[in-house]
Amino acid sequence: MTETNRIHISSRRLRTLAFGILLLPLIAFCPIAYSQGASPALDLDRSGEVDPNDVFLFASIWQNLYDIGARNFDISDYFPLDAGNRWHYSAGEGQPTEDNFAFEVEVETETLPDNSEAIRVLNDYDDPGGTREGISDLWQYDAMGNLFYVGFSNSSEIVFFPGFALPPQTVPFSNGLAFGTNDQEVGETLNSSATATVQVNLNDTLSELIFDVTGTIQPTGFLQTFTTELGDFTDVLRLSFDVVVHAELDENSFDFNFFNNTVFFKEGIGPIAIDLSPDVNDVGALTIDMGIIVINGTPMPIVAQ
């Protein structure tokens, strides 16, 4: 294989790694949940046909049809990160299972270079070999209740393809990427940037992959009803985000844009759906089908509400 071919393949795999460092696992295209009452008449995802994905996009684009008024909210109410919380997502009955996974808040925290503690949220796939299997995302709430994504950690080597692997390491960001705030207003945009250095094993040679990440996050409103594999949730927060990544590996550089991604949250429960379908990689969405939420120290099964 020529050096040019190796770099071309690496650039595709780096797209996967780059997107993983913000929040969400990459997921395969699959049928999706949708907000009650939507009925699109256009091929919104440009797939060549009007399909269930267009229903989801219709609800996302025209979400203000379902808003329950303008209001403020605390992100800590919608993304509780107590140890033991677990949210499991699936593509739905009869769909491929290889990308079904769970976020699980670990008991153990991660000590960062500034001696602060970060919450570890493990990516746990049903099937071996998931895109981000074994990676723990690192989160921090500050004293004001503002939430930041501060890096990631992997406890074992992750092989993306022969000759390209991620050795065990913790990757702290230069500063946290803002994800939500206390008393945040619907429509308020959060912009933040960070740098991270990742050790990669490229053809048995350790190299440094340097990321510059810019995130733009905006809560766009509340949906009256949102259907998931677990059932119907009401009064659901919709949060949209864009990510721009510049990566450098040795003498090569790569730029990736991930636009119009959405996460849906239920107060007191957490994220109930993840939609990456508008992204350039043609990935789809998963919705919650089971989970555990810890309330006053007691694990409770998540129910649609």
Protein backbone atom coordinates (compact mmCIF):
# COMPACT_ATOMS: atom_id res chain seq x y z
CA MET A 1 0.00 0.00 0.00
CA THR A 2 1.41 3.44 -0.91
CA GLU A 3 1.84 6.25 1.59
CA THR A 4 -0.86 8.21 -0.24
CA ASN A 5 -3.32 5.35 0.17
CA ARG A 6 -2.49 4.98 3.85
CA ILE A 7 -3.15 8.67 4.45
CA HIS A 8 -6.41 8.50 2.47
CA ILE A 9 -7.64 5.61 4.60
CA SER A 10 -6.44 7.34 7.74
CA SER A 11 -8.44 10.45 6.87
CA ARG A 12 -11.64 8.40 6.72
CA ARG A 13 -10.90 6.71 10.04
CA LEU A 14 -9.91 10.02 11.61
CA ARG A 15 -13.40 11.27 10.81
CA THR A 16 -14.74 8.60 13.16
CA LEU A 17 -12.25 9.43 15.91
CA ALA A 18 -12.74 13.17 15.49
CA PHE A 19 -16.49 13.02 15.96
CA GLY A 20 -16.15 10.75 18.96
CA ILE A 21 -14.21 13.27 21.01
CA LEU A 22 -17.15 15.61 21.51
CA LEU A 23 -19.96 13.49 22.81
CA LEU A 24 -21.69 10.99 20.69
CA PRO A 25 -20.86 7.58 19.21
CA LEU A 26 -21.06 7.24 15.47
CA ILE A 27 -24.10 5.15 14.58
CA ALA A 28 -25.20 3.42 11.40
CA PHE A 29 -28.08 4.64 9.29
CA CYS A 30 -31.31 3.21 10.64
CA PRO A 31 -35.04 4.01 10.99
CA ILE A 32 -35.69 6.63 13.61
CA ALA A 33 -38.19 7.91 16.10
CA TYR A 34 -40.24 10.95 15.28
CA SER A 35 -42.39 13.56 16.93
CA GLN A 36 -46.07 12.86 16.95
CA GLY A 37 -48.05 14.35 14.07
CA ALA A 38 -45.22 15.05 11.60
CA SER A 39 -45.91 14.20 7.96
CA PRO A 40 -43.20 15.39 5.54
CA ALA A 41 -43.78 15.73 1.82
CA LEU A 42 -40.15 16.15 0.74
CA ASP A 43 -37.03 14.03 0.54
CA LEU A 44 -35.30 16.07 3.25
CA ASP A 45 -32.24 13.86 3.61
CA ARG A 46 -31.74 13.67 -0.18
CA SER A 47 -31.66 9.90 -0.12
CA GLY A 48 -33.69 9.60 -3.30
CA GLU A 49 -36.92 8.65 -1.55
CA VAL A 50 -39.25 9.80 1.17
CA ASP A 51 -38.48 7.48 4.08
CA PRO A 52 -38.78 7.38 7.90
CA ASN A 53 -35.64 9.47 8.22
CA ASP A 54 -37.44 12.34 6.50
CA VAL A 55 -40.11 12.19 9.19
CA PHE A 56 -37.44 12.67 11.85
CA LEU A 57 -35.84 15.55 9.94
CA PHE A 58 -39.22 17.18 9.41
CA ALA A 59 -39.80 17.16 13.17
CA SER A 60 -36.32 18.57 13.76
CA ILE A 61 -36.55 21.35 11.16
CA TRP A 62 -40.09 22.35 12.07
CA GLN A 63 -39.72 21.74 15.78
CA ASN A 64 -41.32 25.09 16.65
CA LEU A 65 -44.66 23.59 15.66
CA TYR A 66 -44.38 21.53 18.85
CA ASP A 67 -42.76 24.02 21.22
CA ILE A 68 -44.29 24.57 24.65
CA GLY A 69 -43.40 28.25 24.83
CA ALA A 70 -40.11 30.02 25.47
CA ARG A 71 -38.56 29.30 28.85
CA ASN A 72 -35.34 28.82 30.73
CA PHE A 73 -34.00 25.53 32.09
CA ASP A 74 -31.06 24.06 34.02
CA ILE A 75 -28.98 21.56 32.03
CA SER A 76 -28.33 19.61 35.25
CA ASP A 77 -32.05 18.74 35.38
CA TYR A 78 -31.90 17.25 31.89
CA PHE A 79 -28.53 15.49 32.02
CA PRO A 80 -28.19 13.94 35.49
CA LEU A 81 -24.76 12.35 35.84
CA ASP A 82 -25.11 10.36 39.05
CA ALA A 83 -22.99 7.20 39.26
CA GLY A 84 -25.02 4.22 38.08
CA ASN A 85 -27.20 6.10 35.59
CA ARG A 86 -27.47 4.12 32.37
CA TRP A 87 -29.24 4.90 29.08
CA HIS A 88 -29.48 2.14 26.47
CA TYR A 89 -30.24 2.99 22.83
CA SER A 90 -31.34 0.82 19.93
CA ALA A 91 -32.31 1.13 16.29
CA GLY A 92 -35.62 -0.58 16.85
CA GLU A 93 -37.18 -4.01 16.41
CA GLY A 94 -36.02 -5.83 13.30
CA GLN A 95 -33.11 -3.43 12.70
CA PRO A 96 -29.37 -4.19 12.83
CA THR A 97 -28.05 -4.42 16.38
CA GLU A 98 -24.32 -3.83 15.93
CA ASP A 99 -24.59 -0.14 16.84
CA ASN A 100 -26.91 -0.53 19.84
CA PHE A 101 -25.11 0.77 22.90
CA ALA A 102 -25.44 2.39 26.32
CA PHE A 103 -24.04 5.39 28.13
CA GLU A 104 -23.23 4.41 31.72
CA VAL A 105 -22.03 6.80 34.42
CA GLU A 106 -19.15 5.09 36.19
CA VAL A 107 -18.52 5.10 39.92
CA GLU A 108 -14.85 5.94 39.44
CA THR A 109 -13.97 9.50 38.45
CA GLU A 110 -10.98 10.73 36.43
CA THR A 111 -8.36 13.06 37.89
CA LEU A 112 -7.38 15.73 35.36
CA PRO A 113 -4.02 17.57 35.12
CA ASP A 114 -5.44 20.48 37.16
CA ASN A 115 -6.30 17.97 39.94
CA SER A 116 -10.04 18.41 39.39
CA GLU A 117 -12.27 15.35 39.07
CA ALA A 118 -14.23 14.51 35.92
CA ILE A 119 -17.26 12.25 35.64
CA ARG A 120 -16.63 9.20 33.47
CA VAL A 121 -19.42 8.06 31.12
CA LEU A 122 -18.65 4.72 29.49
CA ASN A 123 -19.70 3.79 25.93
CA ASP A 124 -20.88 0.18 26.27
CA TYR A 125 -21.84 -1.59 23.01
CA ASP A 126 -24.07 -4.66 22.83
CA ASP A 127 -21.83 -6.26 20.20
CA PRO A 128 -18.02 -6.34 20.37
CA GLY A 129 -16.19 -3.92 18.11
CA GLY A 130 -18.42 -0.87 18.45
CA THR A 131 -17.01 2.40 17.11
CA ARG A 132 -16.24 3.78 20.57
CA GLU A 133 -16.41 0.62 22.68
CA GLY A 134 -14.44 1.10 25.88
CA ILE A 135 -14.12 4.87 25.57
CA SER A 136 -15.25 6.90 28.56
CA ASP A 137 -16.31 10.48 27.93
CA LEU A 138 -15.25 12.96 30.60
CA TRP A 139 -17.70 15.56 31.92
CA GLN A 140 -17.67 18.24 34.58
CA TYR A 141 -20.33 20.35 36.25
CA ASP A 142 -18.93 23.53 37.76
CA ALA A 143 -20.12 25.12 41.00
CA MET A 144 -22.76 27.11 39.09
CA GLY A 145 -24.28 24.01 37.47
CA ASN A 146 -22.77 24.61 34.02
CA LEU A 147 -21.78 21.47 32.10
CA PHE A 148 -18.57 20.96 30.11
CA TYR A 149 -17.15 18.14 28.02
CA VAL A 150 -13.51 17.92 29.10
CA GLY A 151 -11.97 14.93 27.29
CA PHE A 152 -12.07 11.17 27.00
CA SER A 153 -10.26 8.07 28.21
CA ASN A 154 -9.80 4.52 26.92
CA SER A 155 -8.57 1.76 29.18
CA SER A 156 -7.48 -0.62 26.41
CA GLU A 157 -6.14 -0.37 22.88
CA ILE A 158 -8.71 0.41 20.20
CA VAL A 159 -7.85 -0.82 16.70
CA PHE A 160 -9.65 1.14 14.02
CA PHE A 161 -8.07 -0.88 11.21
CA PRO A 162 -4.76 -2.71 10.69
CA GLY A 163 -1.92 -0.25 11.20
CA PHE A 164 -4.00 2.38 13.00
CA ALA A 165 -4.84 2.08 16.70
CA LEU A 166 -5.48 4.18 19.77
CA PRO A 167 -3.31 3.03 22.71
CA PRO A 168 -4.68 3.25 26.27
CA GLN A 169 -4.65 6.86 27.45
CA THR A 170 -6.57 9.75 28.96
CA VAL A 171 -6.97 12.78 26.70
CA PRO A 172 -7.84 15.97 28.60
CA PHE A 173 -8.93 19.00 26.60
CA SER A 174 -7.11 22.30 26.99
CA ASN A 175 -10.38 23.64 28.39
CA GLY A 176 -13.91 22.34 28.61
CA LEU A 177 -16.36 22.57 25.72
CA ALA A 178 -19.56 24.18 26.96
CA PHE A 179 -22.56 21.87 26.67
CA GLY A 180 -25.20 23.63 28.78
CA THR A 181 -25.66 26.10 31.60
CA ASN A 182 -27.70 26.85 34.66
CA ASP A 183 -30.78 28.98 33.87
CA GLN A 184 -30.15 28.64 30.13
CA GLU A 185 -32.57 30.28 27.73
CA VAL A 186 -34.06 28.40 24.80
CA GLY A 187 -32.35 29.73 21.68
CA GLU A 188 -29.19 30.77 23.54
CA THR A 189 -26.08 29.67 21.64
CA LEU A 190 -22.94 28.42 23.37
CA ASN A 191 -19.66 28.65 21.45
CA SER A 192 -16.40 27.18 22.72
CA SER A 193 -13.11 25.79 21.46
CA ALA A 194 -10.46 23.43 22.78
CA THR A 195 -7.31 21.59 21.79
CA ALA A 196 -6.45 17.96 22.48
CA THR A 197 -3.43 15.80 21.75
CA VAL A 198 -4.05 12.09 21.13
CA GLN A 199 -1.41 9.36 20.97
CA VAL A 200 -2.01 7.07 17.97
CA ASN A 201 -0.19 3.96 16.81
CA LEU A 202 0.34 4.30 13.07
CA ASN A 203 2.05 1.30 11.52
CA ASP A 204 3.69 0.41 14.86
CA THR A 205 4.97 3.95 15.31
CA LEU A 206 3.58 6.24 17.99
CA SER A 207 2.52 9.61 16.65
CA GLU A 208 0.64 12.59 18.01
CA LEU A 209 -2.72 13.51 16.53
CA ILE A 210 -3.57 17.11 17.44
CA PHE A 211 -7.19 18.27 17.40
CA ASP A 212 -8.56 21.79 17.41
CA VAL A 213 -12.27 21.50 18.16
CA THR A 214 -14.95 24.19 17.95
CA GLY A 215 -18.43 23.43 19.21
CA THR A 216 -21.65 25.40 18.77
CA ILE A 217 -24.59 24.20 20.85
CA GLN A 218 -28.12 25.58 20.97
CA PRO A 219 -31.28 24.41 22.75
CA THR A 220 -33.97 25.05 20.15
CA GLY A 221 -37.16 24.27 22.05
CA PHE A 222 -39.39 21.69 23.67
CA LEU A 223 -41.43 19.03 21.88
CA GLN A 224 -44.83 18.17 23.27
CA THR A 225 -44.45 14.48 22.41
CA PHE A 226 -41.49 12.37 21.33
CA THR A 227 -41.76 8.67 20.51
CA THR A 228 -38.95 6.24 21.42
CA GLU A 229 -38.54 2.47 21.59
CA LEU A 230 -39.39 2.74 25.29
CA GLY A 231 -42.57 4.73 24.68
CA ASP A 232 -43.81 8.32 24.40
CA PHE A 233 -42.09 11.09 26.35
CA THR A 234 -43.65 14.53 26.80
CA ASP A 235 -42.11 18.00 27.13
CA VAL A 236 -38.79 16.94 25.56
CA LEU A 237 -35.86 19.33 25.20
CA ARG A 238 -34.24 19.45 21.76
CA LEU A 239 -30.58 20.47 21.65
CA SER A 240 -28.77 21.04 18.35
CA PHE A 241 -25.00 21.16 17.89
CA ASP A 242 -22.36 21.67 15.23
CA VAL A 243 -18.73 20.57 15.49
CA VAL A 244 -15.75 21.73 13.43
CA VAL A 245 -12.52 19.77 13.82
CA HIS A 246 -9.05 20.50 12.49
CA ALA A 247 -6.65 17.58 12.97
CA GLU A 248 -2.93 17.28 12.30
CA LEU A 249 -0.99 14.02 12.12
CA ASP A 250 2.71 14.28 11.34
CA GLU A 251 2.81 16.48 8.22
CA ASN A 252 -0.79 15.84 7.23
CA SER A 253 -3.85 17.88 8.19
CA PHE A 254 -7.56 17.12 8.01
CA ASP A 255 -10.69 19.21 8.45
CA PHE A 256 -14.10 17.79 9.36
CA ASN A 257 -17.47 19.50 9.76
CA PHE A 258 -20.39 17.86 11.57
CA PHE A 259 -23.51 20.00 11.30
CA ASN A 260 -27.15 19.85 12.44
CA ASN A 261 -26.83 17.04 14.97
CA THR A 262 -29.43 16.77 17.71
CA VAL A 263 -29.92 15.20 21.12
CA PHE A 264 -33.29 14.95 22.88
CA PHE A 265 -33.55 15.16 26.69
CA LYS A 266 -36.28 14.45 29.21
CA GLU A 267 -36.14 16.29 32.54
CA GLY A 268 -35.04 14.02 35.36
CA ILE A 269 -34.19 11.24 32.89
CA GLY A 270 -31.41 12.41 30.54
CA PRO A 271 -30.80 11.87 26.80
CA ILE A 272 -33.58 9.78 25.24
CA ALA A 273 -32.57 10.01 21.57
CA ILE A 274 -29.49 10.82 19.50
CA ASP A 275 -29.90 12.03 15.92
CA LEU A 276 -26.88 12.35 13.65
CA SER A 277 -28.85 11.82 10.44
CA PRO A 278 -28.33 15.32 8.99
CA ASP A 279 -24.56 14.80 9.19
CA VAL A 280 -22.42 14.40 6.07
CA ASN A 281 -21.59 10.82 7.04
CA ASP A 282 -25.22 9.70 6.57
CA VAL A 283 -25.48 8.25 10.03
CA GLY A 284 -28.88 7.88 11.61
CA ALA A 285 -30.52 7.93 15.02
CA LEU A 286 -31.03 5.68 18.02
CA THR A 287 -33.66 6.03 20.75
CA ILE A 288 -33.80 4.81 24.33
CA ASP A 289 -35.31 1.37 24.92
CA MET A 290 -34.30 0.82 28.56
CA GLY A 291 -32.29 2.40 31.31
CA ILE A 292 -31.60 3.08 34.97
CA ILE A 293 -31.72 6.42 36.75
CA VAL A 294 -30.46 6.83 40.33
CA ILE A 295 -32.87 8.82 42.51
CA ASN A 296 -31.79 9.67 46.06
CA GLY A 297 -29.27 6.83 45.91
CA THR A 298 -31.77 4.25 44.64
CA PRO A 299 -31.53 2.85 41.08
CA MET A 300 -34.90 3.06 39.33
CA PRO A 301 -35.88 1.76 35.89
CA ILE A 302 -36.53 4.48 33.34
CA VAL A 303 -40.14 4.64 32.14
CA ALA A 304 -41.64 6.79 29.40
CA GLN A 305 -43.36 9.82 30.88
